[in-house]
Amino acid sequence: MAETIKFKGDLTINELSGGIIDDLRSAVTKFDELMVDTREVDRVDVAAIQMFVAAWKESEARGCCLTLLKSEAVADMLSLIGVQI
């Protein structure tokens, strides 16, 4: 089974406290393929990037294929901190 999770607007530590982390973690455990769409994210911080890295690692451990569609803001932050997903 496949699923897409879409994020838009700001994706910072303030927004993460609303259950986003649990939703992403749950999707990684439920689906064989997961697409995380951040193409409409305007602003992102390191906390959100840490969430994506954790989800990516968890998906690899479970054999789930996680694809991250990146906005310019997400791509820039990943590049800035030297992370490739």
PDB file of N, CA and C in Angstrom:
ATOM      1  N   MET A   1       0.839  -1.190   0.000  1.00  0.00           N
ATOM      2  CA  MET A   1       0.000   0.000   0.000  1.00  0.00           C
ATOM      3  C   MET A   1       0.877   1.244   0.000  1.00  0.00           C
ATOM      4  N   ALA A   2       0.370   2.296  -0.610  1.00  0.00           N
ATOM      5  CA  ALA A   2       1.114   3.549  -0.703  1.00  0.00           C
ATOM      6  C   ALA A   2       0.312   4.682  -0.080  1.00  0.00           C
ATOM      7  N   GLU A   3       1.026   5.686   0.351  1.00  0.00           N
ATOM      8  CA  GLU A   3       0.396   6.856   0.987  1.00  0.00           C
ATOM      9  C   GLU A   3       1.210   8.091   0.652  1.00  0.00           C
ATOM     10  N   THR A   4       0.527   9.238   0.592  1.00  0.00           N
ATOM     11  CA  THR A   4       1.191  10.522   0.431  1.00  0.00           C
ATOM     12  C   THR A   4       0.807  11.415   1.598  1.00  0.00           C
ATOM     13  N   ILE A   5       1.804  12.034   2.204  1.00  0.00           N
ATOM     14  CA  ILE A   5       1.580  13.023   3.257  1.00  0.00           C
ATOM     15  C   ILE A   5       2.085  14.349   2.715  1.00  0.00           C
ATOM     16  N   LYS A   6       1.228  15.357   2.773  1.00  0.00           N
ATOM     17  CA  LYS A   6       1.567  16.650   2.197  1.00  0.00           C
ATOM     18  C   LYS A   6       1.692  17.706   3.299  1.00  0.00           C
ATOM     19  N   PHE A   7       2.762  18.481   3.220  1.00  0.00           N
ATOM     20  CA  PHE A   7       2.994  19.589   4.137  1.00  0.00           C
ATOM     21  C   PHE A   7       3.016  20.886   3.345  1.00  0.00           C
ATOM     22  N   LYS A   8       2.530  21.969   3.963  1.00  0.00           N
ATOM     23  CA  LYS A   8       2.600  23.273   3.306  1.00  0.00           C
ATOM     24  C   LYS A   8       2.731  24.373   4.350  1.00  0.00           C
ATOM     25  N   GLY A   9       3.157  25.542   3.891  1.00  0.00           N
ATOM     26  CA  GLY A   9       3.351  26.668   4.804  1.00  0.00           C
ATOM     27  C   GLY A   9       4.640  26.523   5.583  1.00  0.00           C
ATOM     28  N   ASP A  10       4.582  26.878   6.854  1.00  0.00           N
ATOM     29  CA  ASP A  10       5.751  26.766   7.729  1.00  0.00           C
ATOM     30  C   ASP A  10       5.802  25.379   8.340  1.00  0.00           C
ATOM     31  N   LEU A  11       6.979  24.828   8.409  1.00  0.00           N
ATOM     32  CA  LEU A  11       7.188  23.540   9.053  1.00  0.00           C
ATOM     33  C   LEU A  11       8.355  23.719  10.021  1.00  0.00           C
ATOM     34  N   THR A  12       8.009  24.188  11.224  1.00  0.00           N
ATOM     35  CA  THR A  12       9.007  24.482  12.251  1.00  0.00           C
ATOM     36  C   THR A  12       8.642  23.754  13.527  1.00  0.00           C
ATOM     37  N   ILE A  13       9.470  23.884  14.529  1.00  0.00           N
ATOM     38  CA  ILE A  13       9.239  23.195  15.794  1.00  0.00           C
ATOM     39  C   ILE A  13       7.862  23.521  16.381  1.00  0.00           C
ATOM     40  N   ASN A  14       7.375  24.711  16.151  1.00  0.00           N
ATOM     41  CA  ASN A  14       6.055  25.080  16.658  1.00  0.00           C
ATOM     42  C   ASN A  14       4.947  24.242  16.027  1.00  0.00           C
ATOM     43  N   GLU A  15       5.050  23.967  14.743  1.00  0.00           N
ATOM     44  CA  GLU A  15       4.043  23.179  14.056  1.00  0.00           C
ATOM     45  C   GLU A  15       4.179  21.686  14.366  1.00  0.00           C
ATOM     46  N   LEU A  16       5.385  21.240  14.683  1.00  0.00           N
ATOM     47  CA  LEU A  16       5.620  19.825  14.944  1.00  0.00           C
ATOM     48  C   LEU A  16       4.924  19.335  16.202  1.00  0.00           C
ATOM     49  N   SER A  17       4.649  20.227  17.124  1.00  0.00           N
ATOM     50  CA  SER A  17       4.025  19.820  18.380  1.00  0.00           C
ATOM     51  C   SER A  17       2.561  19.419  18.205  1.00  0.00           C
ATOM     52  N   GLY A  18       1.998  19.630  17.030  1.00  0.00           N
ATOM     53  CA  GLY A  18       0.593  19.321  16.785  1.00  0.00           C
ATOM     54  C   GLY A  18       0.319  17.903  16.326  1.00  0.00           C
ATOM     55  N   GLY A  19       1.208  16.979  16.540  1.00  0.00           N
ATOM     56  CA  GLY A  19       0.970  15.589  16.179  1.00  0.00           C
ATOM     57  C   GLY A  19       1.534  15.187  14.824  1.00  0.00           C
ATOM     58  N   ILE A  20       2.204  16.098  14.149  1.00  0.00           N
ATOM     59  CA  ILE A  20       2.760  15.797  12.830  1.00  0.00           C
ATOM     60  C   ILE A  20       3.763  14.640  12.909  1.00  0.00           C
ATOM     61  N   ILE A  21       4.580  14.640  13.927  1.00  0.00           N
ATOM     62  CA  ILE A  21       5.593  13.595  14.073  1.00  0.00           C
ATOM     63  C   ILE A  21       4.925  12.235  14.219  1.00  0.00           C
ATOM     64  N   ASP A  22       3.897  12.159  15.042  1.00  0.00           N
ATOM     65  CA  ASP A  22       3.183  10.892  15.233  1.00  0.00           C
ATOM     66  C   ASP A  22       2.510  10.427  13.948  1.00  0.00           C
ATOM     67  N   ASP A  23       1.941  11.359  13.185  1.00  0.00           N
ATOM     68  CA  ASP A  23       1.303  11.012  11.919  1.00  0.00           C
ATOM     69  C   ASP A  23       2.313  10.431  10.940  1.00  0.00           C
ATOM     70  N   LEU A  24       3.477  11.049  10.851  1.00  0.00           N
ATOM     71  CA  LEU A  24       4.513  10.573   9.944  1.00  0.00           C
ATOM     72  C   LEU A  24       5.039   9.217  10.401  1.00  0.00           C
ATOM     73  N   ARG A  25       5.282   9.066  11.679  1.00  0.00           N
ATOM     74  CA  ARG A  25       5.771   7.794  12.229  1.00  0.00           C
ATOM     75  C   ARG A  25       4.766   6.669  11.974  1.00  0.00           C
ATOM     76  N   SER A  26       3.505   6.971  12.166  1.00  0.00           N
ATOM     77  CA  SER A  26       2.454   5.991  11.929  1.00  0.00           C
ATOM     78  C   SER A  26       2.397   5.569  10.463  1.00  0.00           C
ATOM     79  N   ALA A  27       2.536   6.533   9.559  1.00  0.00           N
ATOM     80  CA  ALA A  27       2.493   6.231   8.131  1.00  0.00           C
ATOM     81  C   ALA A  27       3.668   5.337   7.724  1.00  0.00           C
ATOM     82  N   VAL A  28       4.834   5.578   8.305  1.00  0.00           N
ATOM     83  CA  VAL A  28       6.009   4.760   7.986  1.00  0.00           C
ATOM     84  C   VAL A  28       5.770   3.310   8.392  1.00  0.00           C
ATOM     85  N   THR A  29       5.062   3.091   9.478  1.00  0.00           N
ATOM     86  CA  THR A  29       4.823   1.729   9.940  1.00  0.00           C
ATOM     87  C   THR A  29       3.666   1.047   9.211  1.00  0.00           C
ATOM     88  N   LYS A  30       2.765   1.807   8.612  1.00  0.00           N
ATOM     89  CA  LYS A  30       1.580   1.227   7.973  1.00  0.00           C
ATOM     90  C   LYS A  30       1.729   0.939   6.491  1.00  0.00           C
ATOM     91  N   PHE A  31       2.587   1.682   5.796  1.00  0.00           N
ATOM     92  CA  PHE A  31       2.610   1.621   4.341  1.00  0.00           C
ATOM     93  C   PHE A  31       3.948   1.121   3.809  1.00  0.00           C
ATOM     94  N   ASP A  32       3.894   0.451   2.649  1.00  0.00           N
ATOM     95  CA  ASP A  32       5.109  -0.035   1.990  1.00  0.00           C
ATOM     96  C   ASP A  32       5.814   1.088   1.238  1.00  0.00           C
ATOM     97  N   GLU A  33       5.025   2.048   0.763  1.00  0.00           N
ATOM     98  CA  GLU A  33       5.562   3.191   0.037  1.00  0.00           C
ATOM     99  C   GLU A  33       4.962   4.458   0.626  1.00  0.00           C
ATOM    100  N   LEU A  34       5.810   5.421   0.887  1.00  0.00           N
ATOM    101  CA  LEU A  34       5.358   6.679   1.471  1.00  0.00           C
ATOM    102  C   LEU A  34       6.007   7.839   0.727  1.00  0.00           C
ATOM    103  N   MET A  35       5.165   8.740   0.234  1.00  0.00           N
ATOM    104  CA  MET A  35       5.654   9.942  -0.411  1.00  0.00           C
ATOM    105  C   MET A  35       5.378  11.110   0.533  1.00  0.00           C
ATOM    106  N   VAL A  36       6.423  11.839   0.882  1.00  0.00           N
ATOM    107  CA  VAL A  36       6.300  13.012   1.733  1.00  0.00           C
ATOM    108  C   VAL A  36       6.499  14.229   0.831  1.00  0.00           C
ATOM    109  N   ASP A  37       5.426  14.966   0.632  1.00  0.00           N
ATOM    110  CA  ASP A  37       5.410  16.087  -0.304  1.00  0.00           C
ATOM    111  C   ASP A  37       5.557  17.399   0.463  1.00  0.00           C
ATOM    112  N   THR A  38       6.707  18.043   0.307  1.00  0.00           N
ATOM    113  CA  THR A  38       6.958  19.329   0.974  1.00  0.00           C
ATOM    114  C   THR A  38       7.078  20.459  -0.046  1.00  0.00           C
ATOM    115  N   ARG A  39       6.610  20.237  -1.262  1.00  0.00           N
ATOM    116  CA  ARG A  39       6.800  21.234  -2.323  1.00  0.00           C
ATOM    117  C   ARG A  39       6.112  22.567  -2.037  1.00  0.00           C
ATOM    118  N   GLU A  40       5.164  22.573  -1.088  1.00  0.00           N
ATOM    119  CA  GLU A  40       4.490  23.829  -0.733  1.00  0.00           C
ATOM    120  C   GLU A  40       4.930  24.363   0.625  1.00  0.00           C
ATOM    121  N   VAL A  41       6.045  23.865   1.148  1.00  0.00           N
ATOM    122  CA  VAL A  41       6.590  24.348   2.411  1.00  0.00           C
ATOM    123  C   VAL A  41       7.425  25.599   2.130  1.00  0.00           C
ATOM    124  N   ASP A  42       7.074  26.676   2.823  1.00  0.00           N
ATOM    125  CA  ASP A  42       7.761  27.955   2.631  1.00  0.00           C
ATOM    126  C   ASP A  42       8.947  28.151   3.561  1.00  0.00           C
ATOM    127  N   ARG A  43       8.834  27.589   4.772  1.00  0.00           N
ATOM    128  CA  ARG A  43       9.878  27.781   5.785  1.00  0.00           C
ATOM    129  C   ARG A  43      10.019  26.490   6.573  1.00  0.00           C
ATOM    130  N   VAL A  44      11.255  26.098   6.826  1.00  0.00           N
ATOM    131  CA  VAL A  44      11.527  24.860   7.544  1.00  0.00           C
ATOM    132  C   VAL A  44      12.692  25.111   8.496  1.00  0.00           C
ATOM    133  N   ASP A  45      12.697  24.391   9.611  1.00  0.00           N
ATOM    134  CA  ASP A  45      13.830  24.501  10.529  1.00  0.00           C
ATOM    135  C   ASP A  45      14.467  23.134  10.739  1.00  0.00           C
ATOM    136  N   VAL A  46      15.523  23.116  11.519  1.00  0.00           N
ATOM    137  CA  VAL A  46      16.273  21.880  11.732  1.00  0.00           C
ATOM    138  C   VAL A  46      15.423  20.817  12.427  1.00  0.00           C
ATOM    139  N   ALA A  47      14.506  21.203  13.281  1.00  0.00           N
ATOM    140  CA  ALA A  47      13.641  20.225  13.955  1.00  0.00           C
ATOM    141  C   ALA A  47      12.833  19.432  12.933  1.00  0.00           C
ATOM    142  N   ALA A  48      12.314  20.096  11.926  1.00  0.00           N
ATOM    143  CA  ALA A  48      11.548  19.411  10.887  1.00  0.00           C
ATOM    144  C   ALA A  48      12.455  18.496  10.067  1.00  0.00           C
ATOM    145  N   ILE A  49      13.664  18.965   9.776  1.00  0.00           N
ATOM    146  CA  ILE A  49      14.608  18.123   9.042  1.00  0.00           C
ATOM    147  C   ILE A  49      14.945  16.881   9.858  1.00  0.00           C
ATOM    148  N   GLN A  50      15.117  17.030  11.158  1.00  0.00           N
ATOM    149  CA  GLN A  50      15.376  15.877  12.023  1.00  0.00           C
ATOM    150  C   GLN A  50      14.221  14.885  11.952  1.00  0.00           C
ATOM    151  N   MET A  51      12.995  15.395  11.881  1.00  0.00           N
ATOM    152  CA  MET A  51      11.822  14.530  11.760  1.00  0.00           C
ATOM    153  C   MET A  51      11.892  13.728  10.458  1.00  0.00           C
ATOM    154  N   PHE A  52      12.253  14.393   9.361  1.00  0.00           N
ATOM    155  CA  PHE A  52      12.347  13.698   8.077  1.00  0.00           C
ATOM    156  C   PHE A  52      13.464  12.657   8.086  1.00  0.00           C
ATOM    157  N   VAL A  53      14.598  12.993   8.684  1.00  0.00           N
ATOM    158  CA  VAL A  53      15.709  12.042   8.766  1.00  0.00           C
ATOM    159  C   VAL A  53      15.294  10.820   9.588  1.00  0.00           C
ATOM    160  N   ALA A  54      14.636  11.034  10.715  1.00  0.00           N
ATOM    161  CA  ALA A  54      14.176   9.919  11.547  1.00  0.00           C
ATOM    162  C   ALA A  54      13.182   9.044  10.786  1.00  0.00           C
ATOM    163  N   ALA A  55      12.272   9.669  10.061  1.00  0.00           N
ATOM    164  CA  ALA A  55      11.292   8.911   9.272  1.00  0.00           C
ATOM    165  C   ALA A  55      11.986   8.123   8.173  1.00  0.00           C
ATOM    166  N   TRP A  56      12.967   8.734   7.536  1.00  0.00           N
ATOM    167  CA  TRP A  56      13.706   8.063   6.474  1.00  0.00           C
ATOM    168  C   TRP A  56      14.455   6.847   7.026  1.00  0.00           C
ATOM    169  N   LYS A  57      15.117   7.010   8.169  1.00  0.00           N
ATOM    170  CA  LYS A  57      15.837   5.889   8.794  1.00  0.00           C
ATOM    171  C   LYS A  57      14.882   4.778   9.198  1.00  0.00           C
ATOM    172  N   GLU A  58      13.754   5.155   9.783  1.00  0.00           N
ATOM    173  CA  GLU A  58      12.751   4.170  10.192  1.00  0.00           C
ATOM    174  C   GLU A  58      12.191   3.436   8.974  1.00  0.00           C
ATOM    175  N   SER A  59      11.954   4.175   7.903  1.00  0.00           N
ATOM    176  CA  SER A  59      11.418   3.536   6.696  1.00  0.00           C
ATOM    177  C   SER A  59      12.426   2.531   6.127  1.00  0.00           C
ATOM    178  N   GLU A  60      13.690   2.876   6.130  1.00  0.00           N
ATOM    179  CA  GLU A  60      14.714   1.944   5.656  1.00  0.00           C
ATOM    180  C   GLU A  60      14.752   0.687   6.517  1.00  0.00           C
ATOM    181  N   ALA A  61      14.673   0.858   7.821  1.00  0.00           N
ATOM    182  CA  ALA A  61      14.715  -0.283   8.736  1.00  0.00           C
ATOM    183  C   ALA A  61      13.518  -1.208   8.536  1.00  0.00           C
ATOM    184  N   ARG A  62      12.386  -0.646   8.154  1.00  0.00           N
ATOM    185  CA  ARG A  62      11.156  -1.428   7.959  1.00  0.00           C
ATOM    186  C   ARG A  62      10.963  -1.901   6.527  1.00  0.00           C
ATOM    187  N   GLY A  63      11.843  -1.495   5.631  1.00  0.00           N
ATOM    188  CA  GLY A  63      11.701  -1.881   4.236  1.00  0.00           C
ATOM    189  C   GLY A  63      10.671  -1.061   3.480  1.00  0.00           C
ATOM    190  N   CYS A  64      10.319   0.093   4.020  1.00  0.00           N
ATOM    191  CA  CYS A  64       9.380   1.012   3.377  1.00  0.00           C
ATOM    192  C   CYS A  64      10.166   1.931   2.447  1.00  0.00           C
ATOM    193  N   CYS A  65       9.600   2.230   1.302  1.00  0.00           N
ATOM    194  CA  CYS A  65      10.240   3.151   0.363  1.00  0.00           C
ATOM    195  C   CYS A  65       9.697   4.555   0.621  1.00  0.00           C
ATOM    196  N   LEU A  66      10.508   5.441   1.174  1.00  0.00           N
ATOM    197  CA  LEU A  66      10.102   6.813   1.458  1.00  0.00           C
ATOM    198  C   LEU A  66      10.713   7.739   0.418  1.00  0.00           C
ATOM    199  N   THR A  67       9.862   8.525  -0.214  1.00  0.00           N
ATOM    200  CA  THR A  67      10.299   9.523  -1.185  1.00  0.00           C
ATOM    201  C   THR A  67       9.963  10.900  -0.645  1.00  0.00           C
ATOM    202  N   LEU A  68      10.936  11.791  -0.640  1.00  0.00           N
ATOM    203  CA  LEU A  68      10.734  13.154  -0.163  1.00  0.00           C
ATOM    204  C   LEU A  68      10.753  14.101  -1.359  1.00  0.00           C
ATOM    205  N   LEU A  69       9.599  14.710  -1.636  1.00  0.00           N
ATOM    206  CA  LEU A  69       9.500  15.738  -2.672  1.00  0.00           C
ATOM    207  C   LEU A  69       9.777  17.067  -1.987  1.00  0.00           C
ATOM    208  N   LYS A  70      10.830  17.752  -2.402  1.00  0.00           N
ATOM    209  CA  LYS A  70      11.352  18.893  -1.648  1.00  0.00           C
ATOM    210  C   LYS A  70      10.968  20.237  -2.249  1.00  0.00           C
ATOM    211  N   SER A  71      10.565  21.140  -1.361  1.00  0.00           N
ATOM    212  CA  SER A  71      10.429  22.546  -1.745  1.00  0.00           C
ATOM    213  C   SER A  71      11.827  23.144  -1.781  1.00  0.00           C
ATOM    214  N   GLU A  72      11.934  24.341  -2.285  1.00  0.00           N
ATOM    215  CA  GLU A  72      13.225  25.017  -2.289  1.00  0.00           C
ATOM    216  C   GLU A  72      13.721  25.224  -0.860  1.00  0.00           C
ATOM    217  N   ALA A  73      12.811  25.569   0.054  1.00  0.00           N
ATOM    218  CA  ALA A  73      13.195  25.798   1.453  1.00  0.00           C
ATOM    219  C   ALA A  73      13.749  24.523   2.088  1.00  0.00           C
ATOM    220  N   VAL A  74      13.099  23.400   1.836  1.00  0.00           N
ATOM    221  CA  VAL A  74      13.558  22.124   2.397  1.00  0.00           C
ATOM    222  C   VAL A  74      14.891  21.732   1.770  1.00  0.00           C
ATOM    223  N   ALA A  75      15.010  21.842   0.464  1.00  0.00           N
ATOM    224  CA  ALA A  75      16.266  21.505  -0.214  1.00  0.00           C
ATOM    225  C   ALA A  75      17.415  22.382   0.289  1.00  0.00           C
ATOM    226  N   ASP A  76      17.141  23.668   0.467  1.00  0.00           N
ATOM    227  CA  ASP A  76      18.174  24.580   0.964  1.00  0.00           C
ATOM    228  C   ASP A  76      18.624  24.205   2.373  1.00  0.00           C
ATOM    229  N   MET A  77      17.678  23.874   3.252  1.00  0.00           N
ATOM    230  CA  MET A  77      18.034  23.503   4.634  1.00  0.00           C
ATOM    231  C   MET A  77      18.809  22.200   4.655  1.00  0.00           C
ATOM    232  N   LEU A  78      18.386  21.225   3.861  1.00  0.00           N
ATOM    233  CA  LEU A  78      19.126  19.957   3.783  1.00  0.00           C
ATOM    234  C   LEU A  78      20.556  20.208   3.330  1.00  0.00           C
ATOM    235  N   SER A  79      20.715  21.036   2.318  1.00  0.00           N
ATOM    236  CA  SER A  79      22.043  21.367   1.812  1.00  0.00           C
ATOM    237  C   SER A  79      22.874  22.111   2.848  1.00  0.00           C
ATOM    238  N   LEU A  80      22.247  23.048   3.539  1.00  0.00           N
ATOM    239  CA  LEU A  80      22.938  23.854   4.540  1.00  0.00           C
ATOM    240  C   LEU A  80      23.520  23.001   5.653  1.00  0.00           C
ATOM    241  N   ILE A  81      22.767  21.984   6.081  1.00  0.00           N
ATOM    242  CA  ILE A  81      23.263  21.161   7.182  1.00  0.00           C
ATOM    243  C   ILE A  81      23.953  19.880   6.695  1.00  0.00           C
ATOM    244  N   GLY A  82      24.034  19.706   5.374  1.00  0.00           N
ATOM    245  CA  GLY A  82      24.779  18.602   4.815  1.00  0.00           C
ATOM    246  C   GLY A  82      24.090  17.253   4.893  1.00  0.00           C
ATOM    247  N   VAL A  83      22.783  17.243   4.761  1.00  0.00           N
ATOM    248  CA  VAL A  83      22.020  16.000   4.835  1.00  0.00           C
ATOM    249  C   VAL A  83      21.440  15.696   3.461  1.00  0.00           C
ATOM    250  N   GLN A  84      21.562  14.420   3.064  1.00  0.00           N
ATOM    251  CA  GLN A  84      20.963  13.984   1.799  1.00  0.00           C
ATOM    252  C   GLN A  84      19.922  12.938   2.084  1.00  0.00           C
ATOM    253  N   ILE A  85      18.711  13.194   1.621  1.00  0.00           N
ATOM    254  CA  ILE A  85      17.619  12.225   1.741  1.00  0.00           C
ATOM    255  C   ILE A  85      17.092  11.982   0.347  1.00  0.00           C
TER     256      ILE A  85
END
